[in-house]
Amino acid sequence: MAGTQDALLRELWAQVRALRAEVSDLRVEISEMEATVADLVERADEPDRAQLPWPVSLLLLPAALTLALIRQVDELARALTTECDPGRKELPEAVRETP
């Protein structure tokens, strides 16, 4: 029984490490998207700006909404990273309580 639990814990930690790698990749993508959206918003706020072409101008509102969602995902990713710190010797509380 203990061997099965150890194997399960090793598998869970392997999955956590994989998730951390994915979170790291997502953070890079989020940063790039935030920079792009911020650039678009900055250009949109300039009074003497050049008008964006019609199809591109339709993207400003969705881009702002996407930025808000990306920030929420980033906050969630940071919380997950904090909860699953590899320096901890024990499983996070949420994992220990899972049946």
C-alpha atoms as a PDB file:
ATOM      1  CA  MET A   1       0.000   0.000   0.000  1.00  0.00           C
ATOM      2  CA  ALA A   2       2.785   2.442   0.888  1.00  0.00           C
ATOM      3  CA  GLY A   3       4.560   1.667  -2.393  1.00  0.00           C
ATOM      4  CA  THR A   4       1.406   2.530  -4.317  1.00  0.00           C
ATOM      5  CA  GLN A   5       1.078   5.807  -2.445  1.00  0.00           C
ATOM      6  CA  ASP A   6       4.725   6.667  -3.086  1.00  0.00           C
ATOM      7  CA  ALA A   7       4.295   5.943  -6.778  1.00  0.00           C
ATOM      8  CA  LEU A   8       1.170   8.090  -6.854  1.00  0.00           C
ATOM      9  CA  LEU A   9       2.968  10.949  -5.094  1.00  0.00           C
ATOM     10  CA  ARG A  10       5.884  10.722  -7.550  1.00  0.00           C
ATOM     11  CA  GLU A  11       3.440  10.806 -10.449  1.00  0.00           C
ATOM     12  CA  LEU A  12       1.618  13.808  -8.968  1.00  0.00           C
ATOM     13  CA  TRP A  13       4.870  15.718  -8.463  1.00  0.00           C
ATOM     14  CA  ALA A  14       5.900  14.916 -12.046  1.00  0.00           C
ATOM     15  CA  GLN A  15       2.600  16.370 -13.214  1.00  0.00           C
ATOM     16  CA  VAL A  16       3.122  19.440 -11.026  1.00  0.00           C
ATOM     17  CA  ARG A  17       6.572  19.971 -12.574  1.00  0.00           C
ATOM     18  CA  ALA A  18       5.045  19.698 -16.054  1.00  0.00           C
ATOM     19  CA  LEU A  19       2.366  22.201 -15.088  1.00  0.00           C
ATOM     20  CA  ARG A  20       5.006  24.581 -13.762  1.00  0.00           C
ATOM     21  CA  ALA A  21       6.780  24.411 -17.119  1.00  0.00           C
ATOM     22  CA  GLU A  22       3.513  25.162 -18.900  1.00  0.00           C
ATOM     23  CA  VAL A  23       2.841  28.069 -16.527  1.00  0.00           C
ATOM     24  CA  SER A  24       6.285  29.443 -17.292  1.00  0.00           C
ATOM     25  CA  ASP A  25       5.615  29.250 -21.029  1.00  0.00           C
ATOM     26  CA  LEU A  26       2.234  30.900 -20.543  1.00  0.00           C
ATOM     27  CA  ARG A  27       3.849  33.725 -18.579  1.00  0.00           C
ATOM     28  CA  VAL A  28       6.154  34.452 -21.511  1.00  0.00           C
ATOM     29  CA  GLU A  29       3.217  34.472 -23.908  1.00  0.00           C
ATOM     30  CA  ILE A  30       1.202  36.645 -21.522  1.00  0.00           C
ATOM     31  CA  SER A  31       4.038  39.160 -21.275  1.00  0.00           C
ATOM     32  CA  GLU A  32       4.305  39.360 -25.033  1.00  0.00           C
ATOM     33  CA  MET A  33       0.543  39.811 -25.407  1.00  0.00           C
ATOM     34  CA  GLU A  34       0.431  42.453 -22.679  1.00  0.00           C
ATOM     35  CA  ALA A  35       3.167  44.415 -24.444  1.00  0.00           C
ATOM     36  CA  THR A  36       1.305  44.206 -27.737  1.00  0.00           C
ATOM     37  CA  VAL A  37      -2.011  45.233 -26.203  1.00  0.00           C
ATOM     38  CA  ALA A  38      -0.402  48.042 -24.214  1.00  0.00           C
ATOM     39  CA  ASP A  39       1.180  49.317 -27.406  1.00  0.00           C
ATOM     40  CA  LEU A  40      -2.177  49.218 -29.186  1.00  0.00           C
ATOM     41  CA  VAL A  41      -3.931  50.986 -26.298  1.00  0.00           C
ATOM     42  CA  GLU A  42      -1.203  53.640 -26.145  1.00  0.00           C
ATOM     43  CA  ARG A  43      -1.592  54.288 -29.832  1.00  0.00           C
ATOM     44  CA  ALA A  44      -5.369  54.439 -29.463  1.00  0.00           C
ATOM     45  CA  ASP A  45      -5.079  57.085 -26.721  1.00  0.00           C
ATOM     46  CA  GLU A  46      -2.881  59.410 -28.765  1.00  0.00           C
ATOM     47  CA  PRO A  47      -5.023  62.286 -30.118  1.00  0.00           C
ATOM     48  CA  ASP A  48      -2.847  62.859 -33.162  1.00  0.00           C
ATOM     49  CA  ARG A  49      -2.486  59.203 -33.977  1.00  0.00           C
ATOM     50  CA  ALA A  50      -2.844  57.761 -37.402  1.00  0.00           C
ATOM     51  CA  GLN A  51      -6.139  55.987 -37.889  1.00  0.00           C
ATOM     52  CA  LEU A  52      -5.900  52.248 -37.806  1.00  0.00           C
ATOM     53  CA  PRO A  53      -7.269  50.473 -40.847  1.00  0.00           C
ATOM     54  CA  TRP A  54     -10.860  49.348 -40.476  1.00  0.00           C
ATOM     55  CA  PRO A  55     -10.373  45.642 -39.755  1.00  0.00           C
ATOM     56  CA  VAL A  56      -7.559  46.292 -37.261  1.00  0.00           C
ATOM     57  CA  SER A  57      -9.514  49.000 -35.408  1.00  0.00           C
ATOM     58  CA  LEU A  58     -12.161  46.392 -34.595  1.00  0.00           C
ATOM     59  CA  LEU A  59      -9.588  44.538 -32.497  1.00  0.00           C
ATOM     60  CA  LEU A  60      -9.052  47.257 -29.860  1.00  0.00           C
ATOM     61  CA  LEU A  61     -11.968  46.311 -27.582  1.00  0.00           C
ATOM     62  CA  PRO A  62     -11.385  42.555 -27.812  1.00  0.00           C
ATOM     63  CA  ALA A  63      -7.687  43.210 -27.199  1.00  0.00           C
ATOM     64  CA  ALA A  64      -8.479  45.144 -24.020  1.00  0.00           C
ATOM     65  CA  LEU A  65     -10.795  42.359 -22.840  1.00  0.00           C
ATOM     66  CA  THR A  66      -8.156  39.776 -23.674  1.00  0.00           C
ATOM     67  CA  LEU A  67      -5.596  41.730 -21.651  1.00  0.00           C
ATOM     68  CA  ALA A  68      -7.932  41.681 -18.641  1.00  0.00           C
ATOM     69  CA  LEU A  69      -8.390  37.917 -18.991  1.00  0.00           C
ATOM     70  CA  ILE A  70      -4.654  37.379 -19.430  1.00  0.00           C
ATOM     71  CA  ARG A  71      -3.991  39.270 -16.219  1.00  0.00           C
ATOM     72  CA  GLN A  72      -6.465  37.023 -14.390  1.00  0.00           C
ATOM     73  CA  VAL A  73      -4.764  33.909 -15.785  1.00  0.00           C
ATOM     74  CA  ASP A  74      -1.397  35.324 -14.716  1.00  0.00           C
ATOM     75  CA  GLU A  75      -2.686  35.831 -11.166  1.00  0.00           C
ATOM     76  CA  LEU A  76      -3.985  32.259 -11.127  1.00  0.00           C
ATOM     77  CA  ALA A  77      -0.658  30.977 -12.480  1.00  0.00           C
ATOM     78  CA  ARG A  78       1.243  32.863  -9.782  1.00  0.00           C
ATOM     79  CA  ALA A  79      -1.041  31.383  -7.107  1.00  0.00           C
ATOM     80  CA  LEU A  80      -0.487  27.885  -8.526  1.00  0.00           C
ATOM     81  CA  THR A  81       3.268  28.400  -8.639  1.00  0.00           C
ATOM     82  CA  THR A  82       3.289  29.597  -5.040  1.00  0.00           C
ATOM     83  CA  GLU A  83       1.157  26.668  -3.915  1.00  0.00           C
ATOM     84  CA  CYS A  84       3.309  24.093  -5.749  1.00  0.00           C
ATOM     85  CA  ASP A  85       6.740  25.305  -4.682  1.00  0.00           C
ATOM     86  CA  PRO A  86       9.252  22.494  -5.401  1.00  0.00           C
ATOM     87  CA  GLY A  87      11.229  23.434  -2.291  1.00  0.00           C
ATOM     88  CA  ARG A  88       8.450  22.138  -0.088  1.00  0.00           C
ATOM     89  CA  LYS A  89       8.963  18.627   1.257  1.00  0.00           C
ATOM     90  CA  GLU A  90       5.263  17.907   1.561  1.00  0.00           C
ATOM     91  CA  LEU A  91       2.322  18.098  -0.754  1.00  0.00           C
ATOM     92  CA  PRO A  92       0.249  21.277  -0.819  1.00  0.00           C
ATOM     93  CA  GLU A  93      -2.808  21.256   1.441  1.00  0.00           C
ATOM     94  CA  ALA A  94      -5.218  21.054  -1.494  1.00  0.00           C
ATOM     95  CA  VAL A  95      -3.477  17.923  -2.824  1.00  0.00           C
ATOM     96  CA  ARG A  96      -3.303  16.245   0.589  1.00  0.00           C
ATOM     97  CA  GLU A  97      -7.050  16.639   1.048  1.00  0.00           C
ATOM     98  CA  THR A  98      -7.876  15.141  -2.341  1.00  0.00           C
ATOM     99  CA  PRO A  99      -9.189  11.569  -1.957  1.00  0.00           C
END
